[in-house]
N, C-alpha and C. Protein backbone atom coordinates (compact mmCIF):
# COMPACT_ATOMS: atom_id res chain seq x y z
N MET A 1 -29.20 -16.32 9.15
CA MET A 1 -28.40 -15.12 8.92
C MET A 1 -28.27 -14.88 7.41
N ASN A 2 -28.28 -13.65 7.02
CA ASN A 2 -28.11 -13.24 5.64
C ASN A 2 -26.77 -13.75 5.11
N ASP A 3 -26.75 -14.28 3.87
CA ASP A 3 -25.53 -14.85 3.29
C ASP A 3 -24.40 -13.83 3.15
N VAL A 4 -24.74 -12.60 2.80
CA VAL A 4 -23.71 -11.57 2.65
C VAL A 4 -23.07 -11.26 4.00
N VAL A 5 -23.89 -11.07 5.01
CA VAL A 5 -23.37 -10.79 6.34
C VAL A 5 -22.57 -11.98 6.84
N LYS A 6 -23.02 -13.18 6.57
CA LYS A 6 -22.30 -14.40 6.97
C LYS A 6 -20.89 -14.40 6.35
N CYS A 7 -20.79 -14.06 5.06
CA CYS A 7 -19.48 -13.98 4.39
C CYS A 7 -18.59 -12.94 5.07
N MET A 8 -19.16 -11.79 5.40
CA MET A 8 -18.37 -10.73 6.03
C MET A 8 -17.86 -11.16 7.39
N LEU A 9 -18.66 -11.91 8.14
CA LEU A 9 -18.27 -12.32 9.47
C LEU A 9 -17.29 -13.49 9.47
N GLU A 10 -17.34 -14.33 8.45
CA GLU A 10 -16.52 -15.54 8.42
C GLU A 10 -15.22 -15.41 7.63
N ARG A 11 -15.18 -14.53 6.64
CA ARG A 11 -14.01 -14.42 5.77
C ARG A 11 -12.78 -14.01 6.56
N ARG A 12 -11.67 -14.63 6.27
CA ARG A 12 -10.39 -14.30 6.90
C ARG A 12 -9.32 -14.20 5.81
N SER A 13 -8.26 -13.47 6.10
CA SER A 13 -7.14 -13.40 5.17
C SER A 13 -6.43 -14.75 5.16
N ILE A 14 -6.20 -15.26 3.98
CA ILE A 14 -5.55 -16.57 3.80
C ILE A 14 -4.19 -16.34 3.16
N ARG A 15 -3.16 -16.94 3.73
CA ARG A 15 -1.80 -16.80 3.21
C ARG A 15 -1.17 -18.13 2.85
N LYS A 16 -1.98 -19.18 2.80
CA LYS A 16 -1.51 -20.50 2.38
C LYS A 16 -2.43 -20.94 1.25
N TYR A 17 -1.84 -21.18 0.10
CA TYR A 17 -2.67 -21.43 -1.08
C TYR A 17 -2.43 -22.80 -1.69
N ASN A 18 -3.49 -23.32 -2.25
CA ASN A 18 -3.43 -24.54 -3.05
C ASN A 18 -2.82 -24.12 -4.39
N PRO A 19 -1.83 -24.84 -4.88
CA PRO A 19 -1.21 -24.44 -6.16
C PRO A 19 -2.14 -24.60 -7.36
N LYS A 20 -3.25 -25.32 -7.18
CA LYS A 20 -4.20 -25.51 -8.28
C LYS A 20 -4.90 -24.18 -8.57
N PRO A 21 -4.83 -23.73 -9.82
CA PRO A 21 -5.45 -22.44 -10.15
C PRO A 21 -6.98 -22.50 -10.10
N ILE A 22 -7.57 -21.35 -9.89
CA ILE A 22 -9.03 -21.28 -9.94
C ILE A 22 -9.49 -21.38 -11.39
N THR A 23 -10.74 -21.70 -11.59
CA THR A 23 -11.27 -21.84 -12.95
C THR A 23 -11.55 -20.47 -13.55
N ASP A 24 -11.67 -20.43 -14.85
CA ASP A 24 -12.01 -19.18 -15.54
C ASP A 24 -13.39 -18.68 -15.08
N GLU A 25 -14.31 -19.60 -14.84
CA GLU A 25 -15.65 -19.22 -14.38
C GLU A 25 -15.59 -18.59 -12.98
N GLN A 26 -14.78 -19.15 -12.10
CA GLN A 26 -14.62 -18.56 -10.76
C GLN A 26 -13.99 -17.17 -10.87
N LEU A 27 -12.98 -17.04 -11.70
CA LEU A 27 -12.33 -15.74 -11.89
C LEU A 27 -13.33 -14.73 -12.44
N LYS A 28 -14.14 -15.13 -13.38
CA LYS A 28 -15.14 -14.23 -13.97
C LYS A 28 -16.11 -13.75 -12.88
N THR A 29 -16.54 -14.64 -12.01
CA THR A 29 -17.45 -14.26 -10.93
C THR A 29 -16.79 -13.28 -9.98
N ILE A 30 -15.54 -13.55 -9.62
CA ILE A 30 -14.81 -12.66 -8.71
C ILE A 30 -14.62 -11.28 -9.34
N LEU A 31 -14.27 -11.26 -10.62
CA LEU A 31 -14.07 -9.97 -11.29
C LEU A 31 -15.37 -9.21 -11.47
N GLU A 32 -16.47 -9.92 -11.61
CA GLU A 32 -17.77 -9.25 -11.73
C GLU A 32 -18.08 -8.47 -10.44
N ALA A 33 -17.66 -9.00 -9.30
CA ALA A 33 -17.88 -8.31 -8.02
C ALA A 33 -17.19 -6.96 -8.01
N TRP A 34 -16.08 -6.84 -8.75
CA TRP A 34 -15.36 -5.57 -8.87
C TRP A 34 -16.29 -4.48 -9.41
N LEU A 35 -17.08 -4.83 -10.39
CA LEU A 35 -17.94 -3.84 -11.04
C LEU A 35 -19.01 -3.26 -10.12
N TYR A 36 -19.28 -3.95 -9.01
CA TYR A 36 -20.34 -3.52 -8.11
C TYR A 36 -19.81 -2.96 -6.79
N ALA A 37 -18.51 -2.74 -6.72
CA ALA A 37 -17.94 -2.14 -5.52
C ALA A 37 -18.35 -0.68 -5.44
N PRO A 38 -18.62 -0.18 -4.24
CA PRO A 38 -18.93 1.25 -4.12
C PRO A 38 -17.69 2.07 -4.45
N ASN A 39 -17.82 2.97 -5.39
CA ASN A 39 -16.72 3.84 -5.79
C ASN A 39 -17.22 5.27 -5.87
N ALA A 40 -16.30 6.21 -5.65
CA ALA A 40 -16.65 7.63 -5.66
C ALA A 40 -17.34 8.01 -6.96
N GLY A 41 -18.52 8.54 -6.83
CA GLY A 41 -19.28 9.00 -8.00
C GLY A 41 -19.70 7.87 -8.94
N GLY A 42 -19.58 6.62 -8.50
CA GLY A 42 -19.94 5.50 -9.36
C GLY A 42 -19.01 5.35 -10.55
N ARG A 43 -17.79 5.87 -10.43
CA ARG A 43 -16.85 5.90 -11.56
C ARG A 43 -16.32 4.53 -11.95
N GLN A 44 -16.19 3.62 -10.96
CA GLN A 44 -15.60 2.30 -11.20
C GLN A 44 -14.28 2.44 -11.94
N SER A 45 -13.44 3.35 -11.47
CA SER A 45 -12.20 3.66 -12.18
C SER A 45 -11.02 2.73 -11.92
N PRO A 46 -10.99 1.96 -10.80
CA PRO A 46 -9.82 1.09 -10.65
C PRO A 46 -9.70 0.09 -11.81
N LEU A 47 -8.46 -0.18 -12.15
CA LEU A 47 -8.14 -1.13 -13.22
C LEU A 47 -7.55 -2.36 -12.56
N ILE A 48 -7.93 -3.55 -13.02
CA ILE A 48 -7.39 -4.79 -12.46
C ILE A 48 -6.58 -5.51 -13.53
N VAL A 49 -5.38 -5.91 -13.15
CA VAL A 49 -4.54 -6.73 -14.02
C VAL A 49 -4.44 -8.09 -13.35
N VAL A 50 -4.83 -9.13 -14.07
CA VAL A 50 -4.80 -10.50 -13.56
C VAL A 50 -3.50 -11.15 -14.01
N CYS A 51 -2.77 -11.71 -13.06
CA CYS A 51 -1.51 -12.37 -13.41
C CYS A 51 -1.52 -13.80 -12.87
N ARG A 52 -1.34 -14.75 -13.79
CA ARG A 52 -1.26 -16.17 -13.43
C ARG A 52 0.15 -16.71 -13.65
N ASN A 53 1.10 -15.84 -13.93
CA ASN A 53 2.47 -16.25 -14.21
C ASN A 53 3.26 -16.34 -12.91
N GLU A 54 3.70 -17.55 -12.56
CA GLU A 54 4.37 -17.78 -11.28
C GLU A 54 5.63 -16.94 -11.13
N GLN A 55 6.45 -16.84 -12.18
CA GLN A 55 7.69 -16.08 -12.09
C GLN A 55 7.43 -14.59 -11.87
N ILE A 56 6.46 -14.05 -12.59
CA ILE A 56 6.13 -12.63 -12.44
C ILE A 56 5.56 -12.37 -11.05
N ASN A 57 4.65 -13.24 -10.60
CA ASN A 57 4.06 -13.06 -9.27
C ASN A 57 5.11 -13.14 -8.17
N THR A 58 6.06 -14.05 -8.32
CA THR A 58 7.13 -14.17 -7.32
C THR A 58 8.01 -12.93 -7.34
N ALA A 59 8.38 -12.47 -8.52
CA ALA A 59 9.22 -11.27 -8.63
C ALA A 59 8.52 -10.05 -8.04
N LEU A 60 7.26 -9.85 -8.40
CA LEU A 60 6.51 -8.71 -7.86
C LEU A 60 6.28 -8.86 -6.37
N GLY A 61 6.07 -10.09 -5.90
CA GLY A 61 5.91 -10.33 -4.47
C GLY A 61 7.17 -10.00 -3.70
N ASN A 62 8.33 -10.27 -4.30
CA ASN A 62 9.61 -9.92 -3.67
C ASN A 62 9.79 -8.41 -3.60
N ILE A 63 9.45 -7.73 -4.69
CA ILE A 63 9.55 -6.26 -4.71
C ILE A 63 8.58 -5.68 -3.69
N ASN A 64 7.36 -6.23 -3.65
CA ASN A 64 6.36 -5.76 -2.70
C ASN A 64 6.86 -5.93 -1.26
N LYS A 65 7.48 -7.07 -0.99
CA LYS A 65 8.01 -7.32 0.36
C LYS A 65 9.08 -6.30 0.70
N SER A 66 9.95 -5.98 -0.26
CA SER A 66 11.02 -5.01 0.02
C SER A 66 10.44 -3.63 0.32
N ALA A 67 9.27 -3.31 -0.25
CA ALA A 67 8.61 -2.03 0.02
C ALA A 67 8.04 -2.01 1.44
N PHE A 68 7.82 -3.19 2.00
CA PHE A 68 7.24 -3.32 3.34
C PHE A 68 8.28 -3.25 4.44
N CYS A 69 9.47 -3.72 4.17
CA CYS A 69 10.50 -3.91 5.20
C CYS A 69 10.64 -2.70 6.11
N GLY A 70 10.62 -2.98 7.42
CA GLY A 70 10.81 -1.94 8.42
C GLY A 70 9.56 -1.15 8.77
N GLN A 71 8.40 -1.48 8.21
CA GLN A 71 7.20 -0.71 8.49
C GLN A 71 6.48 -1.15 9.77
N MET A 72 6.81 -2.33 10.28
CA MET A 72 6.09 -2.83 11.45
C MET A 72 7.06 -3.61 12.34
N SER A 73 6.95 -3.41 13.61
CA SER A 73 7.78 -4.16 14.56
C SER A 73 6.99 -5.34 15.08
N THR A 74 7.50 -6.54 14.88
CA THR A 74 6.81 -7.73 15.38
C THR A 74 7.10 -7.97 16.86
N LYS A 75 7.88 -7.09 17.48
CA LYS A 75 8.13 -7.21 18.92
C LYS A 75 6.87 -6.85 19.70
N THR A 76 6.07 -5.95 19.16
CA THR A 76 4.88 -5.50 19.88
C THR A 76 3.58 -5.91 19.18
N ALA A 77 3.66 -6.34 17.96
CA ALA A 77 2.44 -6.70 17.22
C ALA A 77 2.74 -7.84 16.26
N TYR A 78 1.72 -8.52 15.84
CA TYR A 78 1.86 -9.55 14.84
C TYR A 78 0.63 -9.49 13.94
N VAL A 79 0.75 -10.05 12.76
CA VAL A 79 -0.37 -10.08 11.84
C VAL A 79 -1.22 -11.31 12.12
N SER A 80 -0.58 -12.47 12.18
CA SER A 80 -1.33 -13.71 12.39
C SER A 80 -0.44 -14.76 13.03
N LYS A 81 -0.95 -15.40 14.06
CA LYS A 81 -0.22 -16.50 14.68
C LYS A 81 -0.46 -17.81 13.92
N ASN A 82 -1.59 -17.89 13.23
CA ASN A 82 -1.94 -19.12 12.50
C ASN A 82 -1.35 -19.18 11.11
N GLN A 83 -1.33 -18.06 10.43
CA GLN A 83 -0.81 -17.99 9.06
C GLN A 83 0.16 -16.81 9.01
N LEU A 84 1.41 -17.10 9.23
CA LEU A 84 2.41 -16.05 9.33
C LEU A 84 2.45 -15.17 8.09
N SER A 85 2.68 -13.90 8.32
CA SER A 85 2.81 -12.95 7.22
C SER A 85 4.27 -12.55 7.09
N ILE A 86 4.56 -11.73 6.11
CA ILE A 86 5.93 -11.24 5.95
C ILE A 86 6.35 -10.39 7.14
N ALA A 87 5.38 -9.84 7.86
CA ALA A 87 5.69 -9.07 9.07
C ALA A 87 6.08 -9.99 10.22
N ASP A 88 5.58 -11.22 10.20
CA ASP A 88 5.83 -12.17 11.28
C ASP A 88 7.03 -13.06 11.04
N ASN A 89 7.40 -13.28 9.78
CA ASN A 89 8.43 -14.25 9.47
C ASN A 89 9.26 -13.75 8.29
N ALA A 90 10.47 -13.33 8.57
CA ALA A 90 11.35 -12.77 7.53
C ALA A 90 11.75 -13.79 6.48
N SER A 91 11.59 -15.08 6.76
CA SER A 91 11.99 -16.09 5.78
C SER A 91 10.96 -16.28 4.66
N ILE A 92 9.79 -15.68 4.80
CA ILE A 92 8.81 -15.74 3.72
C ILE A 92 9.32 -14.86 2.59
N ILE A 93 9.48 -15.44 1.42
CA ILE A 93 10.14 -14.75 0.31
C ILE A 93 9.23 -13.75 -0.40
N SER A 94 8.00 -14.14 -0.67
CA SER A 94 7.11 -13.30 -1.48
C SER A 94 5.94 -12.77 -0.66
N ALA A 95 5.65 -11.51 -0.80
CA ALA A 95 4.49 -10.91 -0.14
C ALA A 95 3.18 -11.44 -0.72
N PHE A 96 3.26 -12.20 -1.80
CA PHE A 96 2.05 -12.79 -2.39
C PHE A 96 1.89 -14.26 -1.99
N TYR A 97 2.79 -14.75 -1.14
CA TYR A 97 2.65 -16.05 -0.49
C TYR A 97 2.43 -17.20 -1.48
N ASP A 98 3.06 -17.14 -2.63
CA ASP A 98 2.97 -18.19 -3.65
C ASP A 98 1.55 -18.43 -4.15
N ALA A 99 0.73 -17.41 -4.13
CA ALA A 99 -0.63 -17.55 -4.68
C ALA A 99 -0.53 -17.83 -6.18
N PRO A 100 -1.33 -18.75 -6.70
CA PRO A 100 -1.23 -19.08 -8.13
C PRO A 100 -1.81 -17.99 -9.05
N ILE A 101 -2.57 -17.07 -8.47
CA ILE A 101 -3.12 -15.95 -9.25
C ILE A 101 -3.09 -14.71 -8.36
N VAL A 102 -2.67 -13.59 -8.94
CA VAL A 102 -2.62 -12.33 -8.21
C VAL A 102 -3.36 -11.29 -9.03
N LEU A 103 -4.25 -10.57 -8.38
CA LEU A 103 -4.97 -9.47 -9.02
C LEU A 103 -4.33 -8.17 -8.56
N HIS A 104 -3.82 -7.39 -9.49
CA HIS A 104 -3.18 -6.11 -9.19
C HIS A 104 -4.18 -5.00 -9.48
N LEU A 105 -4.45 -4.17 -8.49
CA LEU A 105 -5.39 -3.06 -8.66
C LEU A 105 -4.62 -1.76 -8.86
N PHE A 106 -5.02 -1.02 -9.85
CA PHE A 106 -4.42 0.28 -10.14
C PHE A 106 -5.53 1.32 -10.12
N SER A 107 -5.16 2.54 -9.75
CA SER A 107 -6.14 3.62 -9.74
C SER A 107 -5.58 4.81 -10.50
N LEU A 108 -6.48 5.73 -10.81
CA LEU A 108 -6.06 6.93 -11.51
C LEU A 108 -5.10 7.73 -10.63
N LYS A 109 -4.04 8.20 -11.24
CA LYS A 109 -3.04 8.98 -10.53
C LYS A 109 -3.65 10.30 -10.08
N ASN A 110 -3.36 10.68 -8.85
CA ASN A 110 -3.80 11.96 -8.27
C ASN A 110 -5.32 12.10 -8.17
N PHE A 111 -6.06 11.00 -8.15
CA PHE A 111 -7.51 11.06 -7.94
C PHE A 111 -7.76 10.99 -6.44
N LEU A 112 -8.52 11.92 -5.90
CA LEU A 112 -8.72 12.06 -4.46
C LEU A 112 -9.16 10.76 -3.79
N TYR A 113 -10.01 9.98 -4.42
CA TYR A 113 -10.56 8.77 -3.80
C TYR A 113 -9.96 7.48 -4.36
N ALA A 114 -8.80 7.57 -4.96
CA ALA A 114 -8.17 6.41 -5.60
C ALA A 114 -7.97 5.25 -4.63
N SER A 115 -7.36 5.50 -3.49
CA SER A 115 -7.10 4.43 -2.53
C SER A 115 -8.39 3.85 -1.98
N ALA A 116 -9.32 4.70 -1.62
CA ALA A 116 -10.60 4.23 -1.09
C ALA A 116 -11.33 3.37 -2.11
N ASP A 117 -11.32 3.79 -3.36
CA ASP A 117 -11.98 3.01 -4.42
C ASP A 117 -11.33 1.64 -4.58
N CYS A 118 -9.99 1.60 -4.55
CA CYS A 118 -9.29 0.31 -4.67
C CYS A 118 -9.60 -0.60 -3.50
N TYR A 119 -9.62 -0.05 -2.30
CA TYR A 119 -9.93 -0.89 -1.15
C TYR A 119 -11.36 -1.43 -1.21
N ALA A 120 -12.30 -0.61 -1.67
CA ALA A 120 -13.67 -1.09 -1.82
C ALA A 120 -13.74 -2.25 -2.82
N VAL A 121 -13.01 -2.12 -3.92
CA VAL A 121 -12.93 -3.19 -4.91
C VAL A 121 -12.30 -4.43 -4.28
N ALA A 122 -11.21 -4.25 -3.55
CA ALA A 122 -10.52 -5.38 -2.93
C ALA A 122 -11.43 -6.13 -1.95
N VAL A 123 -12.21 -5.39 -1.18
CA VAL A 123 -13.15 -6.03 -0.26
C VAL A 123 -14.19 -6.84 -1.02
N ASN A 124 -14.76 -6.27 -2.06
CA ASN A 124 -15.74 -7.01 -2.86
C ASN A 124 -15.14 -8.28 -3.44
N ILE A 125 -13.91 -8.17 -3.93
CA ILE A 125 -13.23 -9.32 -4.53
C ILE A 125 -13.02 -10.42 -3.49
N THR A 126 -12.54 -10.04 -2.30
CA THR A 126 -12.27 -11.05 -1.28
C THR A 126 -13.56 -11.71 -0.79
N LEU A 127 -14.64 -10.94 -0.69
CA LEU A 127 -15.92 -11.53 -0.29
C LEU A 127 -16.45 -12.47 -1.36
N ALA A 128 -16.31 -12.09 -2.62
CA ALA A 128 -16.75 -12.96 -3.72
C ALA A 128 -15.93 -14.25 -3.72
N ALA A 129 -14.61 -14.12 -3.53
CA ALA A 129 -13.75 -15.31 -3.50
C ALA A 129 -14.17 -16.22 -2.35
N TYR A 130 -14.37 -15.66 -1.19
CA TYR A 130 -14.77 -16.47 -0.03
C TYR A 130 -16.09 -17.20 -0.31
N SER A 131 -17.03 -16.50 -0.93
CA SER A 131 -18.33 -17.12 -1.21
C SER A 131 -18.21 -18.32 -2.15
N LEU A 132 -17.10 -18.36 -2.92
CA LEU A 132 -16.84 -19.48 -3.84
C LEU A 132 -15.90 -20.52 -3.22
N GLY A 133 -15.54 -20.33 -1.95
CA GLY A 133 -14.64 -21.27 -1.28
C GLY A 133 -13.17 -21.06 -1.62
N ILE A 134 -12.83 -19.84 -2.04
CA ILE A 134 -11.47 -19.51 -2.45
C ILE A 134 -10.86 -18.56 -1.43
N GLY A 135 -9.67 -18.91 -0.94
CA GLY A 135 -8.98 -18.05 0.02
C GLY A 135 -8.32 -16.88 -0.68
N SER A 136 -8.21 -15.77 0.04
CA SER A 136 -7.57 -14.59 -0.52
C SER A 136 -7.01 -13.72 0.60
N CYS A 137 -6.20 -12.77 0.22
CA CYS A 137 -5.61 -11.84 1.19
C CYS A 137 -5.33 -10.52 0.47
N ILE A 138 -5.74 -9.43 1.07
CA ILE A 138 -5.43 -8.12 0.50
C ILE A 138 -3.99 -7.77 0.88
N VAL A 139 -3.17 -7.49 -0.12
CA VAL A 139 -1.79 -7.08 0.11
C VAL A 139 -1.65 -5.68 -0.49
N ALA A 140 -1.28 -4.74 0.33
CA ALA A 140 -1.16 -3.35 -0.13
C ALA A 140 0.23 -3.10 -0.72
N ARG A 141 0.56 -1.87 -0.96
CA ARG A 141 1.86 -1.41 -1.44
C ARG A 141 2.05 -1.55 -2.95
N ALA A 142 0.98 -1.61 -3.71
CA ALA A 142 1.13 -1.70 -5.17
C ALA A 142 1.83 -0.45 -5.70
N LYS A 143 1.48 0.71 -5.16
CA LYS A 143 2.11 1.95 -5.63
C LYS A 143 3.62 1.88 -5.44
N GLU A 144 4.05 1.42 -4.28
CA GLU A 144 5.48 1.32 -4.00
C GLU A 144 6.14 0.24 -4.87
N THR A 145 5.42 -0.84 -5.10
CA THR A 145 5.96 -1.94 -5.90
C THR A 145 6.22 -1.49 -7.33
N PHE A 146 5.24 -0.84 -7.94
CA PHE A 146 5.37 -0.46 -9.34
C PHE A 146 6.15 0.84 -9.52
N ALA A 147 6.41 1.55 -8.45
CA ALA A 147 7.23 2.76 -8.54
C ALA A 147 8.69 2.48 -8.20
N SER A 148 8.98 1.26 -7.75
CA SER A 148 10.34 0.95 -7.33
C SER A 148 11.29 0.87 -8.52
N GLN A 149 12.57 0.95 -8.22
CA GLN A 149 13.58 0.85 -9.27
C GLN A 149 13.60 -0.54 -9.90
N TYR A 150 12.99 -1.52 -9.24
CA TYR A 150 13.00 -2.89 -9.75
C TYR A 150 11.75 -3.25 -10.53
N ARG A 151 10.85 -2.30 -10.71
CA ARG A 151 9.57 -2.60 -11.36
C ARG A 151 9.79 -3.22 -12.74
N PRO A 152 8.88 -4.10 -13.14
CA PRO A 152 9.01 -4.74 -14.45
C PRO A 152 8.55 -3.80 -15.56
N GLY A 153 9.43 -3.34 -16.36
CA GLY A 153 9.06 -2.47 -17.48
C GLY A 153 8.85 -1.04 -17.03
N ASN A 154 8.56 -0.21 -17.96
CA ASN A 154 8.31 1.19 -17.70
C ASN A 154 6.83 1.47 -17.88
N PRO A 155 6.10 1.86 -16.82
CA PRO A 155 4.67 2.08 -16.95
C PRO A 155 4.30 3.07 -18.05
N GLN A 156 5.13 4.12 -18.26
CA GLN A 156 4.82 5.08 -19.30
C GLN A 156 4.85 4.44 -20.69
N LYS A 157 5.84 3.58 -20.94
CA LYS A 157 5.94 2.91 -22.23
C LYS A 157 4.80 1.91 -22.43
N MET A 158 4.24 1.42 -21.31
CA MET A 158 3.18 0.44 -21.41
C MET A 158 1.80 1.11 -21.51
N GLY A 159 1.76 2.45 -21.54
CA GLY A 159 0.49 3.15 -21.68
C GLY A 159 -0.23 3.40 -20.35
N TYR A 160 0.49 3.28 -19.23
CA TYR A 160 -0.13 3.47 -17.92
C TYR A 160 0.22 4.82 -17.31
N GLN A 161 0.56 5.82 -18.11
CA GLN A 161 1.02 7.08 -17.55
C GLN A 161 -0.03 7.73 -16.65
N GLN A 162 -1.31 7.48 -16.87
CA GLN A 162 -2.33 8.10 -16.01
C GLN A 162 -2.65 7.23 -14.80
N TRP A 163 -2.03 6.06 -14.70
CA TRP A 163 -2.31 5.13 -13.61
C TRP A 163 -1.15 5.10 -12.64
N VAL A 164 -1.37 4.58 -11.48
CA VAL A 164 -0.41 4.34 -10.41
C VAL A 164 0.05 5.60 -9.73
C-alpha cells in the first residue's frame, strides 16, 4: 500500500500526550507540510504560530474549551470512548489536552476560503506528524478563542488586524 494512503487510513486523533517535546527537526518537517497543503489559488495564506509555553497553552486551552461548552450533547453522541475529549468528560481542563506544543492556525479575515485553507493545512500537519510517530489532534474554535474577552493581548496591537 502507498505510504501516504497508509498514513491517511491509520492516523487517529490523539488526546494523550507524552510531555517530552518534539525535536526542532521534527517540528521543521511538520511545518514544511504546511507549505504543500492545497489552498485556494495556491495562496498558502494561513499563518501558524507555534507555542511551546505550557502556561500559555493551558490558558488558551481553557478559553478554547469555554468556547465549546454547550455545543454538543454527549447523551446522544460521543467523540471517543478510548481517548475522552472535552465533549465526553467535563473534568478535562484544557481543550489542548496538555500537549507540550500547540500550533495555532490563523487565516486572513473575511477571505472566502479561510476556513477551508486552514483545515487543509491542519490535515497536512497531522499526516506529517503521524508519519514521524507523533500524535496530534485538530482542535477547532481558534476564532472564538482569540475573539473572546479573555484572549491574551489585543490582536490589533500585535499587528494581527488583518488576521482572525
